[in-house]
Amino acid sequence: PSKILFIQILRNALSINKTDWALNYIGEYAPRLKSAYQKPMRALALAYLYLKLKEYPKVLENLKDVKFIDARDKMYVKSLYIRTYYEMGETELLFYQVDSAKHFMSSSNSLTENTRKNFVRFLNYLVNLVHATEKSDKNEIEMIKHKLENDPELPFGEWLLIKISEITKGAK
């Protein structure tokens, strides 16, 4: 398979909680990729799997082995770092990665304008959510939730909605 298809199949499997299947898939199909892609795509795939399994140190460990083949890979890696640091409560590292991702998005000519705009919107929503959560601003969190529910184009919008649900359950 192509590396894009390889990652898309993996992400689809993880979205329906097929983690055992995903692990077998990585083992079987990463070696079938072009030889230059095998190690970085295996590491990227394992990072996705470990994020799903909430094994955050393993996510970070695998991300170190991802060598960027193209701008999309770099965007995937940045999104994994950002979501992992969020989950770990590492706000300073999260904001550093968000800033780095915004800089990358503004300077990357190889991603479409739509992809760049959507990813930056995700980053802005996430930063606003972190600030609202730190201030325990229930109205702001509710407003972010409402905007997300009406923004189907947003990458990781579903993940953000899950995070908001966790925040609001924890606040009750």
N, C-alpha and C. Protein backbone atom coordinates (compact mmCIF):
# COMPACT_ATOMS: atom_id res chain seq x y z
N PRO A 1 0.83 -1.21 0.00
CA PRO A 1 0.00 0.00 0.00
C PRO A 1 0.87 1.26 0.00
N SER A 2 0.27 2.38 -0.38
CA SER A 2 0.98 3.66 -0.27
C SER A 2 1.03 4.03 1.20
N LYS A 3 1.94 4.92 1.57
CA LYS A 3 2.04 5.30 2.98
C LYS A 3 0.79 6.05 3.44
N ILE A 4 0.18 6.83 2.56
CA ILE A 4 -1.05 7.55 2.92
C ILE A 4 -2.17 6.56 3.20
N LEU A 5 -2.33 5.57 2.33
CA LEU A 5 -3.35 4.54 2.53
C LEU A 5 -3.06 3.73 3.80
N PHE A 6 -1.81 3.39 4.02
CA PHE A 6 -1.39 2.64 5.21
C PHE A 6 -1.85 3.35 6.49
N ILE A 7 -1.57 4.65 6.58
CA ILE A 7 -1.94 5.42 7.77
C ILE A 7 -3.45 5.60 7.85
N GLN A 8 -4.11 5.82 6.71
CA GLN A 8 -5.57 6.01 6.72
C GLN A 8 -6.28 4.74 7.20
N ILE A 9 -5.86 3.60 6.73
CA ILE A 9 -6.46 2.33 7.17
C ILE A 9 -6.26 2.17 8.67
N LEU A 10 -5.06 2.45 9.14
CA LEU A 10 -4.78 2.35 10.57
C LEU A 10 -5.67 3.29 11.37
N ARG A 11 -5.76 4.55 10.96
CA ARG A 11 -6.59 5.52 11.69
C ARG A 11 -8.06 5.11 11.69
N ASN A 12 -8.53 4.56 10.58
CA ASN A 12 -9.91 4.09 10.53
C ASN A 12 -10.13 2.95 11.53
N ALA A 13 -9.19 2.01 11.58
CA ALA A 13 -9.31 0.88 12.52
C ALA A 13 -9.32 1.39 13.96
N LEU A 14 -8.46 2.34 14.26
CA LEU A 14 -8.41 2.87 15.63
C LEU A 14 -9.67 3.67 15.97
N SER A 15 -10.26 4.30 14.98
CA SER A 15 -11.48 5.08 15.24
C SER A 15 -12.65 4.18 15.64
N ILE A 16 -12.57 2.90 15.29
CA ILE A 16 -13.62 1.96 15.72
C ILE A 16 -13.07 0.96 16.76
N ASN A 17 -12.00 1.39 17.42
CA ASN A 17 -11.42 0.66 18.55
C ASN A 17 -10.89 -0.73 18.23
N LYS A 18 -10.41 -0.93 17.02
CA LYS A 18 -9.83 -2.23 16.62
C LYS A 18 -8.32 -2.21 16.89
N THR A 19 -7.94 -2.11 18.16
CA THR A 19 -6.53 -1.95 18.50
C THR A 19 -5.72 -3.22 18.25
N ASP A 20 -6.26 -4.38 18.56
CA ASP A 20 -5.53 -5.63 18.29
C ASP A 20 -5.33 -5.80 16.79
N TRP A 21 -6.39 -5.54 16.03
CA TRP A 21 -6.30 -5.63 14.58
C TRP A 21 -5.24 -4.66 14.07
N ALA A 22 -5.24 -3.43 14.62
CA ALA A 22 -4.30 -2.40 14.19
C ALA A 22 -2.85 -2.83 14.44
N LEU A 23 -2.60 -3.44 15.58
CA LEU A 23 -1.24 -3.91 15.89
C LEU A 23 -0.80 -4.97 14.89
N ASN A 24 -1.69 -5.91 14.59
CA ASN A 24 -1.37 -6.94 13.58
C ASN A 24 -1.16 -6.31 12.20
N TYR A 25 -1.99 -5.34 11.86
CA TYR A 25 -1.90 -4.64 10.58
C TYR A 25 -0.52 -3.96 10.44
N ILE A 26 -0.10 -3.26 11.49
CA ILE A 26 1.21 -2.59 11.46
C ILE A 26 2.31 -3.62 11.21
N GLY A 27 2.25 -4.73 11.95
CA GLY A 27 3.27 -5.77 11.80
C GLY A 27 3.30 -6.38 10.41
N GLU A 28 2.12 -6.54 9.82
CA GLU A 28 2.04 -7.18 8.50
C GLU A 28 2.32 -6.23 7.34
N TYR A 29 1.81 -4.99 7.44
CA TYR A 29 1.86 -4.12 6.26
C TYR A 29 2.99 -3.09 6.26
N ALA A 30 3.53 -2.72 7.41
CA ALA A 30 4.67 -1.78 7.41
C ALA A 30 5.84 -2.34 6.59
N PRO A 31 6.15 -3.64 6.70
CA PRO A 31 7.25 -4.18 5.90
C PRO A 31 6.97 -4.21 4.39
N ARG A 32 5.72 -4.02 4.00
CA ARG A 32 5.37 -4.03 2.58
C ARG A 32 5.48 -2.65 1.94
N LEU A 33 5.70 -1.63 2.77
CA LEU A 33 5.87 -0.28 2.24
C LEU A 33 7.23 -0.17 1.56
N LYS A 34 7.40 0.87 0.77
CA LYS A 34 8.70 1.16 0.17
C LYS A 34 9.74 1.17 1.29
N SER A 35 10.91 0.60 1.06
CA SER A 35 11.88 0.40 2.13
C SER A 35 12.22 1.68 2.90
N ALA A 36 12.29 2.81 2.24
CA ALA A 36 12.61 4.07 2.91
C ALA A 36 11.50 4.51 3.87
N TYR A 37 10.28 4.02 3.64
CA TYR A 37 9.13 4.42 4.45
C TYR A 37 8.87 3.48 5.62
N GLN A 38 9.43 2.29 5.58
CA GLN A 38 9.05 1.26 6.55
C GLN A 38 9.24 1.68 8.01
N LYS A 39 10.44 2.09 8.37
CA LYS A 39 10.70 2.43 9.77
C LYS A 39 9.91 3.66 10.23
N PRO A 40 9.93 4.78 9.46
CA PRO A 40 9.17 5.95 9.94
C PRO A 40 7.66 5.72 9.98
N MET A 41 7.12 4.99 9.01
CA MET A 41 5.67 4.77 9.01
C MET A 41 5.25 3.77 10.11
N ARG A 42 6.12 2.82 10.40
CA ARG A 42 5.86 1.89 11.51
C ARG A 42 5.83 2.69 12.82
N ALA A 43 6.81 3.58 13.00
CA ALA A 43 6.87 4.39 14.21
C ALA A 43 5.65 5.31 14.31
N LEU A 44 5.25 5.92 13.20
CA LEU A 44 4.08 6.80 13.20
C LEU A 44 2.82 5.99 13.53
N ALA A 45 2.69 4.82 12.92
CA ALA A 45 1.53 3.97 13.18
C ALA A 45 1.48 3.54 14.65
N LEU A 46 2.61 3.17 15.20
CA LEU A 46 2.64 2.78 16.62
C LEU A 46 2.30 3.96 17.52
N ALA A 47 2.73 5.15 17.15
CA ALA A 47 2.38 6.34 17.93
C ALA A 47 0.87 6.54 17.96
N TYR A 48 0.22 6.39 16.80
CA TYR A 48 -1.25 6.47 16.76
C TYR A 48 -1.88 5.40 17.66
N LEU A 49 -1.38 4.17 17.57
CA LEU A 49 -1.91 3.08 18.37
C LEU A 49 -1.76 3.38 19.86
N TYR A 50 -0.58 3.81 20.27
CA TYR A 50 -0.35 4.07 21.70
C TYR A 50 -1.14 5.27 22.20
N LEU A 51 -1.41 6.24 21.33
CA LEU A 51 -2.29 7.35 21.74
C LEU A 51 -3.67 6.80 22.05
N LYS A 52 -4.15 5.93 21.19
CA LYS A 52 -5.46 5.33 21.40
C LYS A 52 -5.50 4.51 22.70
N LEU A 53 -4.38 3.84 22.99
CA LEU A 53 -4.30 3.00 24.19
C LEU A 53 -3.94 3.80 25.45
N LYS A 54 -3.78 5.11 25.28
CA LYS A 54 -3.43 6.00 26.40
C LYS A 54 -2.08 5.65 27.04
N GLU A 55 -1.17 5.16 26.21
CA GLU A 55 0.19 4.85 26.66
C GLU A 55 1.11 5.97 26.15
N TYR A 56 1.00 7.12 26.80
CA TYR A 56 1.61 8.34 26.29
C TYR A 56 3.15 8.31 26.21
N PRO A 57 3.86 7.74 27.18
CA PRO A 57 5.32 7.67 27.01
C PRO A 57 5.72 6.88 25.75
N LYS A 58 4.95 5.87 25.40
CA LYS A 58 5.25 5.09 24.19
C LYS A 58 4.95 5.90 22.93
N VAL A 59 3.95 6.79 22.99
CA VAL A 59 3.69 7.68 21.85
C VAL A 59 4.93 8.52 21.60
N LEU A 60 5.41 9.16 22.66
CA LEU A 60 6.57 10.04 22.53
C LEU A 60 7.80 9.28 22.06
N GLU A 61 7.98 8.08 22.58
CA GLU A 61 9.13 7.25 22.19
C GLU A 61 9.09 6.94 20.69
N ASN A 62 7.94 6.59 20.17
CA ASN A 62 7.82 6.27 18.74
C ASN A 62 7.93 7.51 17.86
N LEU A 63 7.44 8.64 18.32
CA LEU A 63 7.51 9.85 17.50
C LEU A 63 8.96 10.26 17.24
N LYS A 64 9.86 9.90 18.15
CA LYS A 64 11.28 10.21 17.95
C LYS A 64 11.84 9.49 16.71
N ASP A 65 11.22 8.37 16.33
CA ASP A 65 11.71 7.57 15.21
C ASP A 65 11.06 7.92 13.87
N VAL A 66 10.17 8.90 13.87
CA VAL A 66 9.51 9.28 12.62
C VAL A 66 10.39 10.31 11.91
N LYS A 67 10.86 9.93 10.76
CA LYS A 67 11.61 10.86 9.89
C LYS A 67 10.61 11.36 8.85
N PHE A 68 10.58 12.66 8.68
CA PHE A 68 9.58 13.24 7.80
C PHE A 68 9.87 12.95 6.34
N ILE A 69 8.88 12.42 5.68
CA ILE A 69 8.99 12.16 4.26
C ILE A 69 8.36 13.34 3.50
N ASP A 70 7.28 13.87 4.05
CA ASP A 70 6.64 15.04 3.44
C ASP A 70 5.94 15.88 4.50
N ALA A 71 5.35 16.99 4.08
CA ALA A 71 4.72 17.93 5.01
C ALA A 71 3.55 17.30 5.76
N ARG A 72 2.83 16.40 5.11
CA ARG A 72 1.70 15.75 5.77
C ARG A 72 2.19 14.92 6.96
N ASP A 73 3.32 14.24 6.81
CA ASP A 73 3.88 13.47 7.92
C ASP A 73 4.20 14.40 9.10
N LYS A 74 4.78 15.54 8.78
CA LYS A 74 5.13 16.49 9.83
C LYS A 74 3.87 16.98 10.56
N MET A 75 2.80 17.21 9.80
CA MET A 75 1.53 17.63 10.41
C MET A 75 0.98 16.52 11.31
N TYR A 76 1.03 15.26 10.85
CA TYR A 76 0.57 14.14 11.67
C TYR A 76 1.35 14.07 12.97
N VAL A 77 2.68 14.20 12.88
CA VAL A 77 3.53 14.11 14.07
C VAL A 77 3.21 15.26 15.03
N LYS A 78 3.08 16.46 14.50
CA LYS A 78 2.76 17.60 15.37
C LYS A 78 1.42 17.38 16.06
N SER A 79 0.44 16.85 15.34
CA SER A 79 -0.88 16.62 15.97
C SER A 79 -0.78 15.56 17.07
N LEU A 80 0.06 14.56 16.87
CA LEU A 80 0.24 13.52 17.89
C LEU A 80 0.94 14.08 19.12
N TYR A 81 1.98 14.87 18.92
CA TYR A 81 2.64 15.51 20.07
C TYR A 81 1.64 16.37 20.83
N ILE A 82 0.88 17.18 20.11
CA ILE A 82 -0.06 18.11 20.74
C ILE A 82 -1.11 17.35 21.55
N ARG A 83 -1.70 16.32 20.96
CA ARG A 83 -2.74 15.57 21.68
C ARG A 83 -2.15 14.79 22.85
N THR A 84 -0.93 14.29 22.69
CA THR A 84 -0.28 13.55 23.78
C THR A 84 0.04 14.49 24.94
N TYR A 85 0.61 15.63 24.65
CA TYR A 85 0.91 16.58 25.74
C TYR A 85 -0.36 17.06 26.42
N TYR A 86 -1.43 17.24 25.65
CA TYR A 86 -2.71 17.61 26.26
C TYR A 86 -3.14 16.52 27.24
N GLU A 87 -3.12 15.28 26.78
CA GLU A 87 -3.56 14.16 27.62
C GLU A 87 -2.70 14.01 28.88
N MET A 88 -1.42 14.35 28.76
CA MET A 88 -0.51 14.22 29.89
C MET A 88 -0.58 15.44 30.83
N GLY A 89 -1.34 16.45 30.43
CA GLY A 89 -1.44 17.66 31.24
C GLY A 89 -0.17 18.51 31.19
N GLU A 90 0.61 18.33 30.15
CA GLU A 90 1.87 19.06 29.97
C GLU A 90 1.60 20.35 29.18
N THR A 91 1.01 21.34 29.85
CA THR A 91 0.54 22.54 29.17
C THR A 91 1.66 23.32 28.51
N GLU A 92 2.81 23.46 29.18
CA GLU A 92 3.90 24.23 28.60
C GLU A 92 4.41 23.58 27.30
N LEU A 93 4.59 22.25 27.33
CA LEU A 93 5.02 21.54 26.12
C LEU A 93 3.93 21.60 25.04
N LEU A 94 2.68 21.52 25.46
CA LEU A 94 1.56 21.63 24.53
C LEU A 94 1.62 22.98 23.80
N PHE A 95 1.75 24.07 24.56
CA PHE A 95 1.78 25.39 23.93
C PHE A 95 3.00 25.57 23.04
N TYR A 96 4.12 24.99 23.43
CA TYR A 96 5.32 25.04 22.59
C TYR A 96 5.02 24.35 21.24
N GLN A 97 4.41 23.17 21.30
CA GLN A 97 4.10 22.42 20.07
C GLN A 97 3.06 23.16 19.22
N VAL A 98 2.07 23.78 19.87
CA VAL A 98 1.06 24.54 19.13
C VAL A 98 1.73 25.69 18.38
N ASP A 99 2.62 26.41 19.08
CA ASP A 99 3.33 27.52 18.45
C ASP A 99 4.18 27.02 17.28
N SER A 100 4.88 25.92 17.49
CA SER A 100 5.70 25.33 16.44
C SER A 100 4.83 24.91 15.24
N ALA A 101 3.68 24.31 15.53
CA ALA A 101 2.77 23.86 14.46
C ALA A 101 2.23 25.05 13.67
N LYS A 102 1.88 26.13 14.36
CA LYS A 102 1.38 27.32 13.66
C LYS A 102 2.46 27.91 12.75
N HIS A 103 3.67 27.94 13.25
CA HIS A 103 4.79 28.44 12.44
C HIS A 103 4.98 27.55 11.20
N PHE A 104 4.95 26.25 11.41
CA PHE A 104 5.09 25.31 10.30
C PHE A 104 3.97 25.51 9.27
N MET A 105 2.74 25.66 9.76
CA MET A 105 1.59 25.83 8.86
C MET A 105 1.73 27.11 8.03
N SER A 106 2.22 28.17 8.65
CA SER A 106 2.32 29.44 7.92
C SER A 106 3.45 29.42 6.89
N SER A 107 4.43 28.54 7.09
CA SER A 107 5.56 28.52 6.17
C SER A 107 5.54 27.36 5.17
N SER A 108 4.61 26.42 5.34
CA SER A 108 4.58 25.26 4.46
C SER A 108 3.81 25.55 3.18
N ASN A 109 4.50 25.37 2.05
CA ASN A 109 3.85 25.57 0.76
C ASN A 109 3.33 24.27 0.17
N SER A 110 3.65 23.15 0.81
CA SER A 110 3.27 21.87 0.22
C SER A 110 1.92 21.34 0.74
N LEU A 111 1.32 22.03 1.70
CA LEU A 111 -0.02 21.67 2.15
C LEU A 111 -1.02 22.62 1.50
N THR A 112 -2.22 22.14 1.25
CA THR A 112 -3.22 23.02 0.65
C THR A 112 -3.62 24.12 1.63
N GLU A 113 -4.09 25.20 1.10
CA GLU A 113 -4.56 26.32 1.93
C GLU A 113 -5.66 25.84 2.88
N ASN A 114 -6.55 25.02 2.37
CA ASN A 114 -7.65 24.49 3.19
C ASN A 114 -7.12 23.64 4.36
N THR A 115 -6.16 22.78 4.07
CA THR A 115 -5.56 21.94 5.12
C THR A 115 -4.91 22.81 6.18
N ARG A 116 -4.17 23.81 5.75
CA ARG A 116 -3.49 24.70 6.71
C ARG A 116 -4.50 25.45 7.57
N LYS A 117 -5.52 26.02 6.93
CA LYS A 117 -6.52 26.79 7.68
C LYS A 117 -7.26 25.91 8.69
N ASN A 118 -7.65 24.71 8.26
CA ASN A 118 -8.37 23.80 9.15
C ASN A 118 -7.51 23.39 10.35
N PHE A 119 -6.25 23.09 10.10
CA PHE A 119 -5.37 22.67 11.19
C PHE A 119 -5.13 23.81 12.18
N VAL A 120 -4.95 25.02 11.67
CA VAL A 120 -4.77 26.18 12.56
C VAL A 120 -6.04 26.42 13.37
N ARG A 121 -7.21 26.23 12.77
CA ARG A 121 -8.47 26.35 13.52
C ARG A 121 -8.50 25.34 14.66
N PHE A 122 -8.09 24.10 14.40
CA PHE A 122 -8.02 23.08 15.46
C PHE A 122 -7.11 23.58 16.59
N LEU A 123 -5.95 24.09 16.23
CA LEU A 123 -5.01 24.56 17.25
C LEU A 123 -5.62 25.69 18.08
N ASN A 124 -6.31 26.61 17.41
CA ASN A 124 -6.94 27.72 18.13
C ASN A 124 -8.04 27.23 19.08
N TYR A 125 -8.86 26.30 18.61
CA TYR A 125 -9.90 25.73 19.48
C TYR A 125 -9.25 25.08 20.71
N LEU A 126 -8.18 24.33 20.48
CA LEU A 126 -7.53 23.63 21.58
C LEU A 126 -6.96 24.61 22.60
N VAL A 127 -6.27 25.63 22.15
CA VAL A 127 -5.72 26.63 23.06
C VAL A 127 -6.84 27.31 23.84
N ASN A 128 -7.92 27.68 23.15
CA ASN A 128 -9.05 28.30 23.84
C ASN A 128 -9.65 27.36 24.87
N LEU A 129 -9.73 26.08 24.54
CA LEU A 129 -10.27 25.09 25.49
C LEU A 129 -9.38 24.96 26.72
N VAL A 130 -8.06 24.93 26.51
CA VAL A 130 -7.15 24.83 27.65
C VAL A 130 -7.29 26.04 28.55
N HIS A 131 -7.34 27.24 27.97
CA HIS A 131 -7.49 28.45 28.77
C HIS A 131 -8.83 28.46 29.52
N ALA A 132 -9.90 28.09 28.83
CA ALA A 132 -11.23 28.07 29.46
C ALA A 132 -11.26 27.04 30.60
N THR A 133 -10.61 25.92 30.40
CA THR A 133 -10.58 24.87 31.43
C THR A 133 -9.78 25.35 32.64
N GLU A 134 -8.64 25.99 32.38
CA GLU A 134 -7.82 26.52 33.49
C GLU A 134 -8.59 27.54 34.32
N LYS A 135 -9.47 28.32 33.67
CA LYS A 135 -10.26 29.34 34.37
C LYS A 135 -11.59 28.78 34.87
N SER A 136 -11.85 27.49 34.60
CA SER A 136 -13.14 26.86 34.93
C SER A 136 -14.31 27.66 34.37
N ASP A 137 -14.15 28.17 33.16
CA ASP A 137 -15.17 28.98 32.50
C ASP A 137 -16.13 28.08 31.73
N LYS A 138 -17.19 27.66 32.41
CA LYS A 138 -18.15 26.72 31.82
C LYS A 138 -18.84 27.31 30.58
N ASN A 139 -19.11 28.61 30.61
CA ASN A 139 -19.77 29.25 29.46
C ASN A 139 -18.87 29.21 28.22
N GLU A 140 -17.59 29.49 28.42
CA GLU A 140 -16.65 29.47 27.29
C GLU A 140 -16.51 28.04 26.75
N ILE A 141 -16.43 27.08 27.64
CA ILE A 141 -16.32 25.67 27.22
C ILE A 141 -17.57 25.28 26.42
N GLU A 142 -18.73 25.70 26.88
CA GLU A 142 -19.98 25.40 26.18
C GLU A 142 -20.02 26.08 24.81
N MET A 143 -19.50 27.29 24.73
CA MET A 143 -19.45 28.01 23.45
C MET A 143 -18.51 27.29 22.47
N ILE A 144 -17.36 26.84 22.97
CA ILE A 144 -16.42 26.10 22.12
C ILE A 144 -17.09 24.81 21.63
N LYS A 145 -17.79 24.13 22.52
CA LYS A 145 -18.49 22.90 22.14
C LYS A 145 -19.50 23.18 21.03
N HIS A 146 -20.27 24.23 21.18
CA HIS A 146 -21.29 24.57 20.18
C HIS A 146 -20.63 24.86 18.82
N LYS A 147 -19.53 25.61 18.83
CA LYS A 147 -18.82 25.91 17.58
C LYS A 147 -18.29 24.63 16.93
N LEU A 148 -17.75 23.75 17.76
CA LEU A 148 -17.20 22.49 17.23
C LEU A 148 -18.29 21.63 16.60
N GLU A 149 -19.44 21.58 17.23
CA GLU A 149 -20.54 20.76 16.70
C GLU A 149 -21.01 21.26 15.35
N ASN A 150 -20.73 22.53 15.05
CA ASN A 150 -21.14 23.12 13.77
C ASN A 150 -19.96 23.32 12.83
N ASP A 151 -18.90 22.57 13.05
CA ASP A 151 -17.69 22.70 12.24
C ASP A 151 -17.21 21.32 11.80
N PRO A 152 -17.94 20.67 10.88
CA PRO A 152 -17.60 19.29 10.50
C PRO A 152 -16.27 19.15 9.75
N GLU A 153 -15.74 20.23 9.22
CA GLU A 153 -14.47 20.19 8.46
C GLU A 153 -13.25 20.11 9.37
N LEU A 154 -13.45 20.36 10.66
CA LEU A 154 -12.31 20.51 11.57
C LEU A 154 -11.60 19.19 11.82
N PRO A 155 -10.27 19.16 11.56
CA PRO A 155 -9.53 17.94 11.91
C PRO A 155 -9.51 17.80 13.43
N PHE A 156 -9.69 16.61 13.91
CA PHE A 156 -9.67 16.29 15.34
C PHE A 156 -10.81 16.95 16.11
N GLY A 157 -11.84 17.39 15.39
CA GLY A 157 -13.00 17.99 16.05
C GLY A 157 -13.69 17.01 16.97
N GLU A 158 -13.79 15.77 16.52
CA GLU A 158 -14.42 14.74 17.36
C GLU A 158 -13.61 14.51 18.63
N TRP A 159 -12.29 14.51 18.51
CA TRP A 159 -11.42 14.37 19.68
C TRP A 159 -11.64 15.52 20.66
N LEU A 160 -11.73 16.74 20.14
CA LEU A 160 -11.98 17.90 21.00
C LEU A 160 -13.32 17.78 21.72
N LEU A 161 -14.34 17.31 21.01
CA LEU A 161 -15.65 17.13 21.64
C LEU A 161 -15.58 16.09 22.76
N ILE A 162 -14.80 15.04 22.58
CA ILE A 162 -14.61 14.03 23.63
C ILE A 162 -13.92 14.68 24.83
N LYS A 163 -12.92 15.51 24.58
CA LYS A 163 -12.20 16.18 25.67
C LYS A 163 -13.16 17.10 26.43
N ILE A 164 -14.02 17.81 25.72
CA ILE A 164 -15.00 18.69 26.37
C ILE A 164 -15.96 17.86 27.22
N SER A 165 -16.39 16.73 26.69
CA SER A 165 -17.28 15.85 27.46
C SER A 165 -16.59 15.39 28.74
N GLU A 166 -15.33 15.04 28.66
CA GLU A 166 -14.57 14.62 29.85
C GLU A 166 -14.47 15.77 30.85
N ILE A 167 -14.23 16.97 30.35
CA ILE A 167 -14.11 18.15 31.23
C ILE A 167 -15.43 18.42 31.94
N THR A 168 -16.53 18.39 31.18
CA THR A 168 -17.81 18.73 31.79
C THR A 168 -18.30 17.64 32.75
N LYS A 169 -17.96 16.39 32.47
CA LYS A 169 -18.31 15.31 33.41
C LYS A 169 -17.52 15.46 34.70
N GLY A 170 -16.24 15.83 34.56
CA GLY A 170 -15.39 16.00 35.73
C GLY A 170 -15.78 17.19 36.57
N ALA A 171 -16.44 18.18 35.96
CA ALA A 171 -16.82 19.40 36.68
C ALA A 171 -18.11 19.25 37.48
N LYS A 172 -18.86 18.18 37.18
CA LYS A 172 -20.16 18.02 37.85
C LYS A 172 -20.02 17.36 39.20
